[in-house]
Structure formats: C-alpha cells, structure tokens
Protein backbone atom coordinates (compact mmCIF):
# COMPACT_ATOMS: atom_id res chain seq x y z
CA MET A 1 -27.30 53.63 77.57
CA ALA A 2 -28.77 56.74 76.09
CA LYS A 3 -29.79 56.46 72.46
CA LYS A 4 -27.99 58.52 70.13
CA ASP A 5 -29.83 60.11 67.15
CA GLY A 6 -28.36 60.88 64.15
CA PRO A 7 -28.47 64.14 62.14
CA THR A 8 -31.46 64.96 60.54
CA MET A 9 -32.55 67.52 58.10
CA ARG A 10 -33.15 69.96 60.67
CA ASN A 11 -29.78 69.79 62.12
CA LEU A 12 -28.19 70.04 58.76
CA MET A 13 -30.21 73.35 58.28
CA ASP A 14 -28.88 74.66 61.60
CA ASN A 15 -25.26 74.37 60.03
CA LYS A 16 -24.67 78.10 58.98
CA TYR A 17 -22.96 76.94 55.75
CA TRP A 18 -24.98 74.22 54.57
CA GLY A 19 -28.00 76.76 54.87
CA VAL A 20 -26.64 79.50 53.10
CA GLY A 21 -25.76 76.99 50.33
CA TYR A 22 -28.99 75.39 50.48
CA LYS A 23 -30.87 78.91 49.80
CA TRP A 24 -28.37 80.17 47.25
CA CYS A 25 -28.96 76.52 45.14
CA ASN A 26 -32.71 76.96 45.71
CA ARG A 27 -32.83 80.46 44.31
CA ILE A 28 -30.58 79.73 41.38
CA HIS A 29 -32.99 76.66 40.50
CA ILE A 30 -36.02 78.62 40.90
CA PHE A 31 -34.45 81.42 38.58
CA PHE A 32 -33.60 78.82 35.94
CA ASN A 33 -37.04 77.08 36.22
CA ILE A 34 -38.53 80.51 35.47
CA ILE A 35 -36.61 80.72 32.37
CA ILE A 36 -37.41 77.34 31.42
CA LEU A 37 -41.25 77.87 32.06
CA ILE A 38 -41.12 81.02 29.97
CA ILE A 39 -39.22 79.31 26.87
CA GLY A 40 -41.78 76.46 27.51
CA ALA A 41 -44.81 78.94 27.29
CA VAL A 42 -43.68 80.42 24.09
CA LEU A 43 -42.95 76.92 22.40
CA ILE A 44 -46.53 75.79 23.61
CA TYR A 45 -47.82 79.04 22.24
CA LYS A 46 -46.02 78.41 18.77
CA TYR A 47 -47.31 74.89 18.69
CA ILE A 48 -50.97 75.63 19.17
CA GLU A 49 -50.54 78.85 16.63
CA HIS A 50 -49.10 76.30 14.07
CA SER A 51 -52.31 74.17 14.97
CA LEU A 52 -54.66 76.71 14.36
CA LYS A 53 -53.38 77.73 10.86
CA PHE A 54 -52.66 74.07 9.88
CA ILE A 55 -54.56 70.87 9.89
CA THR A 56 -52.71 67.63 9.78
CA ALA A 57 -54.29 64.90 7.64
CA GLU A 58 -53.03 61.34 6.41
CA ALA A 59 -51.70 61.31 2.72
CA THR A 60 -51.23 58.32 0.79
CA ILE A 61 -47.83 57.87 -1.26
CA LYS A 62 -48.99 57.70 -4.75
CA SER A 63 -45.34 57.89 -6.28
CA ILE A 64 -41.73 58.56 -5.75
CA GLU A 65 -39.82 61.09 -7.93
CA HIS A 66 -36.67 59.60 -9.64
CA ASP A 67 -37.94 56.10 -8.10
CA LYS A 68 -35.89 56.62 -5.17
CA CYS A 69 -34.80 59.31 -2.73
CA LYS A 70 -31.67 61.31 -3.10
CA ALA A 71 -28.80 60.45 -0.75
CA GLU A 72 -26.04 63.05 -0.14
CA LYS A 73 -22.94 62.89 2.11
CA VAL A 74 -22.30 65.89 4.33
CA MET A 75 -19.44 66.87 6.80
CA VAL A 76 -20.98 67.29 10.38
CA ARG A 77 -19.08 68.79 13.35
CA GLY A 78 -19.08 66.44 16.32
CA LYS A 79 -18.05 66.52 19.85
CA TYR A 80 -14.76 64.53 18.99
CA GLY A 81 -14.25 65.93 15.34
CA ASP A 82 -15.92 66.03 12.04
CA HIS A 83 -17.45 63.02 10.39
CA GLU A 84 -19.43 62.30 7.53
CA GLU A 85 -23.37 61.58 7.48
CA THR A 86 -25.87 60.65 5.08
CA LYS A 87 -28.65 63.03 4.27
CA TYR A 88 -31.81 61.87 2.58
CA GLU A 89 -34.08 63.88 0.51
CA CYS A 90 -37.18 62.33 -0.86
CA VAL A 91 -40.04 64.08 -3.02
CA VAL A 92 -42.90 62.10 -3.08
CA ASN A 93 -46.39 62.43 -4.72
CA VAL A 94 -48.99 62.22 -2.23
CA GLU A 95 -52.97 61.95 -2.40
CA TYR A 96 -54.94 63.47 0.66
CA LYS A 97 -58.39 64.67 1.71
CA ASP A 98 -59.15 68.01 3.43
CA ASP A 99 -61.83 68.40 6.01
CA ASN A 100 -64.28 68.95 3.44
CA GLY A 101 -63.66 65.43 1.91
CA LYS A 102 -62.18 66.78 -1.14
CA SER A 103 -59.24 65.02 -2.71
CA HIS A 104 -55.98 66.70 -3.57
CA SER A 105 -52.81 65.33 -5.28
CA ASN A 106 -49.44 67.35 -4.39
CA LYS A 107 -45.69 66.81 -3.96
CA VAL A 108 -44.03 66.94 -0.31
CA THR A 109 -40.08 66.89 0.28
CA THR A 110 -39.28 64.53 3.18
CA ASP A 111 -36.15 63.38 4.80
CA ASP A 112 -36.98 60.10 5.20
CA LYS A 113 -35.39 57.39 3.06
CA ASN A 114 -37.87 54.71 3.72
CA HIS A 115 -40.72 55.64 1.50
CA ILE A 116 -42.70 52.88 -0.54
CA VAL A 117 -45.75 53.49 -2.74
CA GLY A 118 -48.78 52.91 -0.81
CA ASP A 119 -47.28 54.08 2.30
CA LYS A 120 -49.22 56.43 4.73
CA ILE A 121 -47.67 59.54 6.00
CA GLN A 122 -48.46 62.70 7.99
CA ILE A 123 -48.73 65.97 6.11
CA ASP A 124 -49.75 69.62 7.25
CA TYR A 125 -51.72 71.35 4.95
CA GLU A 126 -52.88 75.37 5.48
CA LYS A 127 -56.59 75.65 6.48
CA GLU A 128 -56.89 78.50 3.81
CA ASN A 129 -54.82 76.96 0.76
CA PRO A 130 -55.37 72.88 1.30
CA ASP A 131 -52.79 72.55 -1.71
CA LYS A 132 -49.68 74.06 0.32
CA ILE A 133 -48.70 71.20 2.27
CA TYR A 134 -45.59 70.05 4.47
CA PHE A 135 -44.07 66.64 5.70
CA ARG A 136 -45.25 66.15 9.46
CA PRO A 137 -42.62 63.71 11.19
CA ASN A 138 -44.58 61.81 13.89
CA TRP A 139 -41.84 62.83 16.63
CA TYR A 140 -43.43 66.55 16.40
CA THR A 141 -46.35 65.48 18.43
CA TYR A 142 -44.65 63.06 20.63
CA LEU A 143 -42.29 65.92 21.34
CA PHE A 144 -45.24 68.24 22.21
CA ILE A 145 -46.64 65.88 24.59
CA PHE A 146 -43.22 65.20 26.43
CA GLY A 147 -42.83 69.01 26.40
CA VAL A 148 -46.16 69.71 28.30
CA LEU A 149 -45.41 67.04 30.58
CA PHE A 150 -42.04 68.38 31.28
CA TYR A 151 -43.38 71.76 32.04
CA ILE A 152 -46.29 70.47 34.16
CA PHE A 153 -43.32 68.95 36.31
CA THR A 154 -41.25 72.21 36.43
CA ILE A 155 -44.32 74.06 37.65
CA GLY A 156 -44.80 71.56 40.29
CA GLY A 157 -41.00 71.47 41.38
CA THR A 158 -41.14 75.57 41.27
CA ILE A 159 -44.22 75.57 43.48
CA VAL A 160 -42.27 73.03 45.92
CA ARG A 161 -39.37 75.30 45.95
CA VAL A 162 -41.01 78.43 46.54
CA TYR A 163 -43.82 77.65 49.01
CA TYR A 164 -42.44 74.34 50.58
CA SER A 165 -38.84 75.02 51.00
CA ASP A 166 -39.11 75.28 54.73
CA LYS A 167 -40.86 71.50 55.11
CA GLU A 168 -38.37 68.73 55.89
CA TRP A 169 -39.60 66.68 52.99
CA ALA A 170 -38.89 69.56 50.40
CA GLN A 171 -35.57 70.14 52.03
CA PHE A 172 -34.63 66.47 51.35
CA PHE A 173 -35.39 66.72 47.48
CA ILE A 174 -33.98 69.92 46.97
CA SER A 175 -30.74 68.96 48.72
CA ILE A 176 -30.55 66.04 46.73
CA GLY A 177 -30.97 68.44 43.52
CA CYS A 178 -28.27 70.55 44.83
CA LEU A 179 -25.86 67.81 45.42
CA ARG A 180 -26.31 66.59 42.21
CA ASP A 181 -25.66 69.68 40.38
CA LEU A 182 -22.52 70.17 42.65
CA PHE A 183 -21.05 66.77 41.95
CA GLY A 184 -23.02 65.87 38.73
C-alpha cells in the first residue's frame, strides 16, 4: 500500500489561482506596512521632539480649585447612536522642582476626576520656561512603548514578506494573515 501525502504548501503554491492571490495579498500587506512604518516614524519623531523641548517631573497637588473637579454632561456620537458622557475638568495647584532643584508652584488643568490634595501627578514643563506646565497622563509613556514595539514587529513582518516570501514557513504565516483578512 503506497503512502498518500497530503497537500503541502508547495502544492498550494503550484495552484495558479492560489499563487496569484497569495502574491497580491502579500503585496497589499507590504504596501500597508510601509504606510504604517511611515506614520509610526513620524509619531516617534514627534514624541522625541516633544521630549527634547519638555521635561517630565513629578508634582505634588497642593490644592484643588473650588475644592472639587467640575463635571459636565456632553453628548457623544457612538456607533449605535448618541449617548451622554460625563467630562471632567479639574484645575489643581501643584508644586514641583525643575532640573536645577528650584521649586515652582503653578496651576494645571487635568481631565481626571480623582485628585486628592497630597497626591503625586506627572507634569511636563518647558526647558526654557519651567513655569509653563502641562498635565501628562501616565498612558502617554505606555502608548509610546507599545508603539515602538508594534513598529519593531511591523519591520520584522515586512522583512519576512519581502525577503523570505518564497520560504515555506513564511508562506504559511503570510497565508494565515491573508485568510484572516479574507474571512476576518
């Protein structure tokens, strides 16, 4: 009894229609990866440019204007219709030290509702003018780290799609991506 082999990736690539679809799908992914890489490079550049102009410091909340944060109801368009959300605006007086160790006291506006006197928050101040400050949510840094990791994986995926697309293991992963897009 002869052993019957199942279809392999090579056999699939020999199929005229599958091969054409695979090549087009790969080219489309390469095109979109290049667009993502360009946008990512611009965003990374903007983050680094911001980091060169501003210094992030930890500030202590000394008081909250009007003793509480202002809440305002706003209408937001959603996927399934409009709905109402609460938007918060909180003006806090903070104290912080610049790179030279000089103390500063200033007001900053945040969109967080959970401030308590004595809490620590992150602020950005201009290198040239330490009295000009902005509230810095913690997620900015996390978003940057996630963005850089995503950028690195996109570079890796693009390299595989361009230089290794004729390898069987790469064809397998590229095909999975194409099938996911087709049936996604």
